[in-house]
Amino acid sequence: MNIKTFIDQLAVELEIDKPESLSPDTSFREMDDWSSMHALILIAFVDAEYNVTLTGDDLRRATTVQDLYDIVSAKIAV
């Protein structure tokens, strides 16, 4: 897994109209349509794609797409 692939997949899962607007520095909670439904989609996506369980604490700790990627990468490595 690399950050580019993660971002591309995330854009598809969250149905981002302009996927090029996502970058490692994007604050995902500040995206226009961000809602608790998106958080659930994100949790399901990471579980299905990477076999990693994201917790509420993981999502609260993360502020950027890079933070999410780092959390998922660390859990894969375990």
N, C-alpha and C. Protein backbone atom coordinates (compact mmCIF):
# COMPACT_ATOMS: atom_id res chain seq x y z
N MET A 1 0.85 -1.18 0.00
CA MET A 1 0.00 0.00 0.00
C MET A 1 0.89 1.24 0.00
N ASN A 2 0.48 2.23 -0.76
CA ASN A 2 1.15 3.52 -0.72
C ASN A 2 0.09 4.62 -0.60
N ILE A 3 0.53 5.81 -0.26
CA ILE A 3 -0.41 6.90 0.02
C ILE A 3 -1.25 7.26 -1.21
N LYS A 4 -0.66 7.19 -2.39
CA LYS A 4 -1.40 7.52 -3.62
C LYS A 4 -2.55 6.55 -3.83
N THR A 5 -2.27 5.27 -3.70
CA THR A 5 -3.32 4.25 -3.85
C THR A 5 -4.40 4.43 -2.80
N PHE A 6 -3.98 4.68 -1.56
CA PHE A 6 -4.92 4.88 -0.47
C PHE A 6 -5.85 6.06 -0.77
N ILE A 7 -5.29 7.16 -1.24
CA ILE A 7 -6.08 8.36 -1.56
C ILE A 7 -7.04 8.07 -2.71
N ASP A 8 -6.56 7.39 -3.75
CA ASP A 8 -7.42 7.07 -4.89
C ASP A 8 -8.61 6.20 -4.45
N GLN A 9 -8.33 5.19 -3.64
CA GLN A 9 -9.40 4.31 -3.15
C GLN A 9 -10.35 5.07 -2.23
N LEU A 10 -9.81 5.92 -1.38
CA LEU A 10 -10.63 6.71 -0.46
C LEU A 10 -11.57 7.63 -1.24
N ALA A 11 -11.06 8.24 -2.29
CA ALA A 11 -11.88 9.14 -3.12
C ALA A 11 -13.06 8.39 -3.74
N VAL A 12 -12.82 7.17 -4.19
CA VAL A 12 -13.88 6.36 -4.77
C VAL A 12 -14.91 5.99 -3.70
N GLU A 13 -14.43 5.53 -2.56
CA GLU A 13 -15.34 5.10 -1.49
C GLU A 13 -16.19 6.24 -0.96
N LEU A 14 -15.61 7.42 -0.86
CA LEU A 14 -16.34 8.57 -0.32
C LEU A 14 -17.06 9.36 -1.40
N GLU A 15 -16.97 8.86 -2.65
CA GLU A 15 -17.62 9.49 -3.80
C GLU A 15 -17.24 10.97 -3.92
N ILE A 16 -15.94 11.23 -3.87
CA ILE A 16 -15.41 12.58 -3.99
C ILE A 16 -15.51 13.00 -5.45
N ASP A 17 -16.16 14.12 -5.73
CA ASP A 17 -16.33 14.58 -7.11
C ASP A 17 -15.01 14.94 -7.78
N LYS A 18 -14.11 15.52 -7.01
CA LYS A 18 -12.80 15.93 -7.54
C LYS A 18 -11.71 15.22 -6.75
N PRO A 19 -11.40 13.97 -7.11
CA PRO A 19 -10.41 13.20 -6.33
C PRO A 19 -9.05 13.88 -6.26
N GLU A 20 -8.74 14.69 -7.25
CA GLU A 20 -7.46 15.41 -7.22
C GLU A 20 -7.41 16.44 -6.09
N SER A 21 -8.56 16.74 -5.50
CA SER A 21 -8.58 17.68 -4.38
C SER A 21 -8.10 17.03 -3.08
N LEU A 22 -8.02 15.69 -3.06
CA LEU A 22 -7.50 14.99 -1.89
C LEU A 22 -5.99 14.90 -1.95
N SER A 23 -5.36 15.19 -0.84
CA SER A 23 -3.91 15.06 -0.72
C SER A 23 -3.62 14.54 0.68
N PRO A 24 -2.37 14.16 0.94
CA PRO A 24 -2.04 13.70 2.29
C PRO A 24 -2.37 14.74 3.36
N ASP A 25 -2.31 16.02 3.01
CA ASP A 25 -2.54 17.09 3.98
C ASP A 25 -4.02 17.47 4.14
N THR A 26 -4.89 16.86 3.36
CA THR A 26 -6.32 17.19 3.43
C THR A 26 -6.88 16.81 4.81
N SER A 27 -7.53 17.77 5.42
CA SER A 27 -8.23 17.52 6.68
C SER A 27 -9.59 16.93 6.32
N PHE A 28 -9.70 15.62 6.44
CA PHE A 28 -10.89 14.94 5.94
C PHE A 28 -12.18 15.38 6.62
N ARG A 29 -12.12 15.76 7.88
CA ARG A 29 -13.33 16.19 8.59
C ARG A 29 -13.83 17.55 8.12
N GLU A 30 -12.98 18.30 7.45
CA GLU A 30 -13.37 19.62 6.95
C GLU A 30 -13.85 19.59 5.51
N MET A 31 -13.94 18.38 4.94
CA MET A 31 -14.48 18.27 3.59
C MET A 31 -15.94 18.68 3.62
N ASP A 32 -16.41 19.26 2.53
CA ASP A 32 -17.77 19.82 2.48
C ASP A 32 -18.86 18.88 2.96
N ASP A 33 -18.82 17.65 2.51
CA ASP A 33 -19.91 16.73 2.81
C ASP A 33 -19.63 15.77 3.95
N TRP A 34 -18.56 15.99 4.73
CA TRP A 34 -18.19 15.03 5.76
C TRP A 34 -19.31 14.89 6.79
N SER A 35 -19.62 13.64 7.12
CA SER A 35 -20.65 13.36 8.11
C SER A 35 -20.30 12.05 8.83
N SER A 36 -21.10 11.71 9.81
CA SER A 36 -20.87 10.46 10.52
C SER A 36 -21.04 9.27 9.57
N MET A 37 -21.85 9.41 8.54
CA MET A 37 -22.01 8.35 7.54
C MET A 37 -20.69 8.10 6.82
N HIS A 38 -19.96 9.17 6.53
CA HIS A 38 -18.66 9.03 5.88
C HIS A 38 -17.67 8.31 6.80
N ALA A 39 -17.77 8.57 8.08
CA ALA A 39 -16.90 7.87 9.03
C ALA A 39 -17.18 6.37 8.99
N LEU A 40 -18.44 6.00 8.92
CA LEU A 40 -18.79 4.58 8.83
C LEU A 40 -18.31 3.96 7.52
N ILE A 41 -18.44 4.71 6.43
CA ILE A 41 -17.95 4.25 5.13
C ILE A 41 -16.44 4.05 5.20
N LEU A 42 -15.75 4.98 5.81
CA LEU A 42 -14.30 4.90 5.95
C LEU A 42 -13.90 3.65 6.76
N ILE A 43 -14.57 3.41 7.86
CA ILE A 43 -14.29 2.24 8.70
C ILE A 43 -14.52 0.96 7.90
N ALA A 44 -15.64 0.90 7.17
CA ALA A 44 -15.95 -0.30 6.37
C ALA A 44 -14.94 -0.49 5.24
N PHE A 45 -14.56 0.59 4.58
CA PHE A 45 -13.58 0.53 3.49
C PHE A 45 -12.25 -0.03 3.99
N VAL A 46 -11.75 0.50 5.08
CA VAL A 46 -10.46 0.06 5.61
C VAL A 46 -10.53 -1.40 6.04
N ASP A 47 -11.65 -1.79 6.62
CA ASP A 47 -11.81 -3.19 7.03
C ASP A 47 -11.84 -4.12 5.82
N ALA A 48 -12.61 -3.76 4.80
CA ALA A 48 -12.75 -4.62 3.63
C ALA A 48 -11.47 -4.66 2.79
N GLU A 49 -10.85 -3.52 2.61
CA GLU A 49 -9.69 -3.42 1.72
C GLU A 49 -8.39 -3.87 2.37
N TYR A 50 -8.22 -3.55 3.65
CA TYR A 50 -6.94 -3.79 4.32
C TYR A 50 -7.03 -4.75 5.51
N ASN A 51 -8.24 -5.22 5.80
CA ASN A 51 -8.44 -6.11 6.94
C ASN A 51 -7.94 -5.48 8.24
N VAL A 52 -8.23 -4.19 8.39
CA VAL A 52 -7.82 -3.42 9.56
C VAL A 52 -9.07 -2.81 10.18
N THR A 53 -9.16 -2.90 11.49
CA THR A 53 -10.28 -2.31 12.21
C THR A 53 -9.88 -0.93 12.74
N LEU A 54 -10.57 0.08 12.26
CA LEU A 54 -10.38 1.43 12.79
C LEU A 54 -11.34 1.63 13.95
N THR A 55 -10.86 2.22 15.01
CA THR A 55 -11.70 2.50 16.17
C THR A 55 -12.10 3.97 16.17
N GLY A 56 -13.03 4.28 17.04
CA GLY A 56 -13.40 5.68 17.22
C GLY A 56 -12.21 6.51 17.65
N ASP A 57 -11.37 5.95 18.52
CA ASP A 57 -10.17 6.65 18.96
C ASP A 57 -9.23 6.91 17.79
N ASP A 58 -9.10 5.94 16.88
CA ASP A 58 -8.26 6.14 15.70
C ASP A 58 -8.76 7.33 14.89
N LEU A 59 -10.07 7.40 14.68
CA LEU A 59 -10.62 8.50 13.90
C LEU A 59 -10.49 9.84 14.61
N ARG A 60 -10.61 9.83 15.93
CA ARG A 60 -10.45 11.08 16.68
C ARG A 60 -9.01 11.58 16.64
N ARG A 61 -8.04 10.64 16.64
CA ARG A 61 -6.62 11.01 16.58
C ARG A 61 -6.23 11.56 15.23
N ALA A 62 -6.88 11.09 14.19
CA ALA A 62 -6.51 11.49 12.84
C ALA A 62 -7.17 12.80 12.45
N THR A 63 -6.39 13.67 11.84
CA THR A 63 -6.97 14.91 11.33
C THR A 63 -6.79 15.03 9.82
N THR A 64 -5.79 14.36 9.29
CA THR A 64 -5.53 14.44 7.85
C THR A 64 -5.60 13.05 7.22
N VAL A 65 -5.63 13.03 5.91
CA VAL A 65 -5.59 11.76 5.18
C VAL A 65 -4.28 11.03 5.50
N GLN A 66 -3.19 11.77 5.62
CA GLN A 66 -1.91 11.16 5.97
C GLN A 66 -1.99 10.47 7.33
N ASP A 67 -2.66 11.10 8.30
CA ASP A 67 -2.84 10.49 9.61
C ASP A 67 -3.58 9.15 9.49
N LEU A 68 -4.65 9.14 8.69
CA LEU A 68 -5.40 7.90 8.47
C LEU A 68 -4.51 6.83 7.85
N TYR A 69 -3.77 7.23 6.84
CA TYR A 69 -2.87 6.30 6.16
C TYR A 69 -1.85 5.73 7.15
N ASP A 70 -1.29 6.59 7.98
CA ASP A 70 -0.29 6.15 8.96
C ASP A 70 -0.88 5.15 9.95
N ILE A 71 -2.10 5.41 10.40
CA ILE A 71 -2.76 4.51 11.35
C ILE A 71 -3.01 3.15 10.70
N VAL A 72 -3.52 3.16 9.49
CA VAL A 72 -3.80 1.91 8.78
C VAL A 72 -2.48 1.16 8.53
N SER A 73 -1.47 1.87 8.07
CA SER A 73 -0.16 1.25 7.80
C SER A 73 0.42 0.60 9.06
N ALA A 74 0.31 1.30 10.18
CA ALA A 74 0.84 0.76 11.43
C ALA A 74 0.08 -0.49 11.84
N LYS A 75 -1.22 -0.52 11.64
CA LYS A 75 -2.01 -1.69 12.03
C LYS A 75 -1.75 -2.86 11.09
N ILE A 76 -1.45 -2.60 9.84
CA ILE A 76 -1.09 -3.66 8.90
C ILE A 76 0.22 -4.30 9.32
N ALA A 77 1.13 -3.47 9.78
CA ALA A 77 2.49 -3.93 10.13
C ALA A 77 2.50 -4.81 11.38
N VAL A 78 1.46 -4.75 12.19
CA VAL A 78 1.43 -5.51 13.45
C VAL A 78 1.17 -6.97 13.21
